[in-house]
Structure formats: structure tokens, C-alpha cells
């Protein structure tokens, strides 16, 4: 599904990582269930963990242990969970189907692409290398800037690294804060319904586009780029 309003052609597409380019929920779920096992607890069902994967430790600890950041045990469990995850980043994770072809298609159109994630660089750097995203023109992690999404600073930094104005970039994500950050940065926003999407339906996020596959994203971008070329 797309917005029928004509939009400016992009020079680059920026992506969230977890739930947008990479299906990392299986390894995040494994890491939290290892923590439950160490406490003598049964695994939390995967279908409960997957929707909160984009929220990282905060989402996983809430579902698996009913812990919030202000709770006494939260920080110790957060550290243990992240250590479990760091040891097994890409055992079961992979790029979503269609992502490699979509990225190749963007390159063929002459567009750059980059990654803007709230995942800390400790995890982002090896994950990008191990999962096949080394072609990114820039990678901005959750601790690269003083603020993380939904603040626009990481997206503005990504545009700067690509040598572009923010308005020349589109941002794609599977969480409301991605769309909020994109709007705040002055970028066209795309909600990807193939991702985790959390508790709020992406139809309510006010994204410029809501798309259900990487191929649909490539088709929209190609149409806008070719339309701009014909109008020039």
C-alpha cells in the first residue's frame, strides 16, 4: 500500500536494522531464554518475544521477566541478556527475504543506502559484517550520537556522512519511533509491515508509505526516481 501523493525522489535510502533489514528476533529470543533457563524458568514462547524484538533489552525483559528499567533487578538482567546476545549474534538471524535483491536494485538505480539503528555499536558492527550488510554507505548506531531515535540526530548524522541534505533521504523502519525520527529529520518515511511493528498498528504511524515487502519498497522507489527523470 502506498501514499498516492507525489513525493520527491531520494538520493539515498536509510534503514533501521532489526526488523527492517535483518530478522534478528530468533537470536534475541534465544539470549533471553538462556537467561530464563539460568534462573530455572521455562522458555518464553517465541511468538510473544518476536513483536518486541525492535525494542531490544527493554522489550525482551518486559515480556520475559515483567521487568521495567526502574525495577531493582533490571540492570543486572539487562547486562546478562546482552552478554548472552553478544556471544551469539547471527546463529539464527538472517536478512529478510528480498532484502539483498532490494539493496542491489537501489544500487542499480544509483542510490546510496545506510543503516540507522538504536542497537549499540558493540552489536551493530559485528552484526553488519556477519549478516551481509557491508555495502552500507554509513552505519549510525544507538550510541553514536548523544540521542537515539526517536530523536532525529542519528538520521541527520547519517545524511551528513552520505554528503546529502536530510530531505534527499528516505527512512525505512518497523517501529513508531522510526517514523517519528524520520519526520523530525525532514525525511520521507516508510513503515515496513514485514517487520516486527510492536503493539501499535503501523497504519496509525502517519508514515508516507506503508509497504509489505522489500520488493514493494524497491518498486515504489524505482517509480519515483524514474518519474523524476522523465519530468526533468
Protein backbone atom coordinates (compact mmCIF):
# COMPACT_ATOMS: atom_id res chain seq x y z
CA UNK A 1 0.00 0.00 0.00
CA UNK A 2 1.40 3.40 -0.92
CA UNK A 3 0.55 7.04 -0.49
CA UNK A 4 -0.69 8.36 -3.88
CA UNK A 5 0.71 11.86 -3.27
CA UNK A 6 3.79 12.51 -5.47
CA UNK A 7 6.93 12.67 -3.37
CA UNK A 8 10.46 13.95 -4.09
CA UNK A 9 12.91 11.41 -5.45
CA UNK A 10 15.54 10.23 -2.94
CA UNK A 11 19.30 10.22 -3.34
CA UNK A 12 19.66 7.60 -0.59
CA UNK A 13 17.52 5.23 1.46
CA UNK A 14 18.28 4.84 5.17
CA UNK A 15 17.15 1.76 7.06
CA UNK A 16 16.55 0.64 10.59
CA UNK A 17 18.34 -2.66 11.23
CA UNK A 18 16.40 -5.07 13.48
CA UNK A 19 13.03 -5.88 11.98
CA UNK A 20 13.70 -3.91 8.81
CA UNK A 21 16.78 -5.31 7.09
CA UNK A 22 17.60 -8.16 9.46
CA UNK A 23 15.38 -10.73 11.16
CA UNK A 24 17.29 -10.81 14.45
CA UNK A 25 14.42 -11.86 16.70
CA UNK A 26 15.46 -15.55 16.83
CA UNK A 27 18.84 -14.79 18.43
CA UNK A 28 17.40 -12.13 20.73
CA UNK A 29 14.80 -14.66 21.89
CA UNK A 30 17.49 -17.29 22.41
CA UNK A 31 19.51 -14.87 24.53
CA UNK A 32 16.59 -14.02 26.81
CA UNK A 33 15.55 -17.66 27.15
CA UNK A 34 19.10 -18.62 28.14
CA UNK A 35 18.69 -16.11 30.94
CA UNK A 36 15.38 -17.67 31.95
CA UNK A 37 16.95 -21.13 31.85
CA UNK A 38 19.74 -19.98 34.16
CA UNK A 39 17.03 -18.98 36.64
CA UNK A 40 15.30 -22.36 36.33
CA UNK A 41 12.43 -20.92 34.29
CA UNK A 42 10.74 -22.33 31.21
CA UNK A 43 11.30 -20.54 27.86
CA UNK A 44 9.07 -17.64 26.94
CA UNK A 45 7.22 -18.55 23.72
CA UNK A 46 8.82 -17.08 20.63
CA UNK A 47 5.53 -15.67 19.38
CA UNK A 48 5.43 -13.41 22.46
CA UNK A 49 9.02 -12.24 22.07
CA UNK A 50 9.13 -11.57 18.33
CA UNK A 51 6.85 -8.48 18.30
CA UNK A 52 9.07 -6.67 20.83
CA UNK A 53 12.40 -7.53 19.23
CA UNK A 54 12.87 -4.00 17.89
CA UNK A 55 12.69 -2.71 21.48
CA UNK A 56 15.84 -4.69 22.39
CA UNK A 57 16.62 -5.42 26.02
CA UNK A 58 13.78 -3.26 27.28
CA UNK A 59 11.18 -5.16 25.27
CA UNK A 60 12.62 -8.59 25.92
CA UNK A 61 12.97 -8.12 29.68
CA UNK A 62 9.45 -6.79 29.95
CA UNK A 63 7.93 -9.81 28.23
CA UNK A 64 10.21 -12.49 29.68
CA UNK A 65 10.56 -11.19 33.26
CA UNK A 66 7.96 -8.40 33.56
CA UNK A 67 10.80 -6.02 34.37
CA UNK A 68 10.97 -2.31 33.59
CA UNK A 69 14.10 -0.09 33.74
CA UNK A 70 13.12 1.28 37.15
CA UNK A 71 12.92 -2.21 38.72
CA UNK A 72 15.64 -3.43 41.08
CA UNK A 73 16.73 -6.48 39.05
CA UNK A 74 16.50 -4.83 35.65
CA UNK A 75 20.10 -3.67 35.16
CA UNK A 76 21.72 -6.95 36.20
CA UNK A 77 19.43 -8.91 33.92
CA UNK A 78 19.95 -6.42 31.09
CA UNK A 79 23.71 -6.91 31.27
CA UNK A 80 23.40 -10.70 31.38
CA UNK A 81 20.96 -10.71 28.46
CA UNK A 82 23.25 -8.52 26.33
CA UNK A 83 26.25 -10.71 27.14
CA UNK A 84 24.28 -13.77 26.01
CA UNK A 85 23.31 -11.97 22.81
CA UNK A 86 26.84 -10.72 22.05
CA UNK A 87 28.10 -14.30 22.16
CA UNK A 88 25.56 -15.49 19.55
CA UNK A 89 24.65 -12.63 17.21
CA UNK A 90 23.94 -14.49 13.99
CA UNK A 91 23.29 -18.12 14.87
CA UNK A 92 19.67 -17.97 13.71
CA UNK A 93 19.41 -14.42 12.33
CA UNK A 94 19.33 -13.57 8.63
CA UNK A 95 18.35 -10.83 6.22
CA UNK A 96 14.64 -10.75 5.49
CA UNK A 97 13.70 -12.42 2.19
CA UNK A 98 14.02 -9.94 -0.64
CA UNK A 99 16.40 -7.58 1.16
CA UNK A 100 19.56 -8.46 -0.83
CA UNK A 101 17.73 -8.04 -4.14
CA UNK A 102 16.19 -4.78 -2.94
CA UNK A 103 19.59 -3.37 -1.94
CA UNK A 104 21.08 -4.44 -5.28
CA UNK A 105 18.18 -2.71 -7.02
CA UNK A 106 18.80 0.53 -5.15
CA UNK A 107 22.45 0.42 -6.19
CA UNK A 108 21.44 -0.16 -9.81
CA UNK A 109 19.28 2.97 -9.58
CA UNK A 110 22.35 4.91 -8.47
CA UNK A 111 21.10 5.41 -4.91
CA UNK A 112 23.14 5.12 -1.75
CA UNK A 113 21.86 3.34 1.34
CA UNK A 114 22.76 3.31 5.00
CA UNK A 115 21.75 2.00 8.41
CA UNK A 116 20.47 3.96 11.41
CA UNK A 117 19.73 1.77 14.41
CA UNK A 118 19.27 2.11 18.15
CA UNK A 119 21.39 -1.02 18.58
CA UNK A 120 24.69 -0.23 20.29
CA UNK A 121 27.82 -0.31 18.13
CA UNK A 122 29.07 -3.26 20.22
CA UNK A 123 26.44 -5.34 18.43
CA UNK A 124 25.85 -3.38 15.24
CA UNK A 125 29.41 -3.53 13.90
CA UNK A 126 29.85 -7.32 14.02
CA UNK A 127 26.25 -7.97 13.01
CA UNK A 128 26.55 -5.84 9.87
CA UNK A 129 29.72 -7.70 8.91
CA UNK A 130 28.41 -11.17 9.67
CA UNK A 131 24.96 -10.85 8.11
CA UNK A 132 25.97 -9.38 4.75
CA UNK A 133 25.37 -5.63 5.02
CA UNK A 134 28.94 -4.44 4.47
CA UNK A 135 27.81 -2.40 1.47
CA UNK A 136 26.15 0.23 3.65
CA UNK A 137 27.34 3.73 2.88
CA UNK A 138 27.08 4.63 6.56
CA UNK A 139 26.18 2.94 9.83
CA UNK A 140 24.91 5.01 12.75
CA UNK A 141 24.39 3.05 15.96
CA UNK A 142 22.33 3.80 19.03
CA UNK A 143 25.35 5.14 20.91
CA UNK A 144 26.94 7.04 18.01
CA UNK A 145 25.16 10.26 18.96
CA UNK A 146 24.11 11.74 22.29
CA UNK A 147 20.49 10.91 21.44
CA UNK A 148 18.91 7.82 19.87
CA UNK A 149 15.67 7.55 17.88
CA UNK A 150 13.02 8.94 18.01
CA UNK A 151 15.35 11.95 18.23
CA UNK A 152 16.36 12.98 14.69
CA UNK A 153 20.07 13.34 15.47
CA UNK A 154 21.12 9.85 14.25
CA UNK A 155 19.29 10.31 10.94
CA UNK A 156 20.77 13.76 10.44
CA UNK A 157 24.23 12.30 11.10
CA UNK A 158 23.65 9.57 8.53
CA UNK A 159 22.67 12.14 5.91
CA UNK A 160 25.78 14.15 6.76
CA UNK A 161 28.01 11.10 6.35
CA UNK A 162 26.47 10.44 2.94
CA UNK A 163 27.02 14.07 1.94
CA UNK A 164 23.30 14.69 1.47
CA UNK A 165 20.65 17.02 2.82
CA UNK A 166 18.13 15.23 5.05
CA UNK A 167 15.40 15.96 2.50
CA UNK A 168 17.30 13.87 -0.04
CA UNK A 169 16.95 10.77 2.14
CA UNK A 170 14.06 8.41 2.86
CA UNK A 171 13.94 6.45 6.11
CA UNK A 172 12.52 2.93 6.47
CA UNK A 173 11.65 1.30 9.80
CA UNK A 174 9.36 -1.12 11.59
CA UNK A 175 8.69 0.88 14.75
CA UNK A 176 6.76 4.05 15.50
CA UNK A 177 9.91 5.76 16.77
CA UNK A 178 11.50 5.22 13.33
CA UNK A 179 8.70 7.14 11.68
CA UNK A 180 8.79 9.83 14.36
CA UNK A 181 12.54 10.24 13.88
CA UNK A 182 12.16 10.39 10.12
CA UNK A 183 9.51 13.08 10.30
CA UNK A 184 11.58 15.08 12.79
CA UNK A 185 14.58 14.89 10.44
CA UNK A 186 12.51 16.10 7.48
CA UNK A 187 12.73 12.80 5.60
CA UNK A 188 10.15 10.79 3.68
CA UNK A 189 9.18 7.85 5.91
CA UNK A 190 8.32 4.25 5.06
CA UNK A 191 6.76 1.85 7.56
CA UNK A 192 7.72 -1.72 6.71
CA UNK A 193 4.88 -4.10 7.55
CA UNK A 194 7.20 -7.09 7.05
CA UNK A 195 8.99 -6.18 10.31
CA UNK A 196 8.10 -6.63 13.97
CA UNK A 197 5.98 -3.45 14.29
CA UNK A 198 5.36 -3.78 18.05
CA UNK A 199 1.98 -3.23 19.68
CA UNK A 200 0.75 -0.29 17.59
CA UNK A 201 -0.56 -0.96 14.10
CA UNK A 202 1.69 0.72 11.51
CA UNK A 203 -1.39 2.15 9.79
CA UNK A 204 -1.56 4.62 12.69
CA UNK A 205 2.04 5.86 12.42
CA UNK A 206 1.44 8.55 9.78
CA UNK A 207 4.21 7.26 7.52
CA UNK A 208 4.30 8.48 3.93
CA UNK A 209 4.22 4.84 2.78
CA UNK A 210 3.22 1.54 4.35
CA UNK A 211 4.73 -1.36 2.41
CA UNK A 212 4.55 -5.12 2.91
CA UNK A 213 7.80 -6.32 1.30
CA UNK A 214 11.29 -5.18 0.31
CA UNK A 215 10.29 -5.72 -3.34
CA UNK A 216 7.37 -3.31 -2.89
CA UNK A 217 9.80 -0.74 -1.50
CA UNK A 218 12.10 -1.11 -4.49
CA UNK A 219 9.16 -0.73 -6.87
CA UNK A 220 8.00 2.47 -5.17
CA UNK A 221 11.50 3.96 -5.18
CA UNK A 222 12.06 2.99 -8.81
CA UNK A 223 8.76 4.54 -9.82
CA UNK A 224 9.51 7.82 -8.04
CA UNK A 225 13.07 8.01 -9.40
CA UNK A 226 12.02 7.23 -12.97
CA UNK A 227 9.14 9.68 -12.74
CA UNK A 228 11.50 12.41 -11.61
CA UNK A 229 13.87 11.62 -14.50
CA UNK A 230 11.04 11.84 -17.05
CA UNK A 231 9.91 15.17 -15.60
CA UNK A 232 13.40 16.66 -15.72
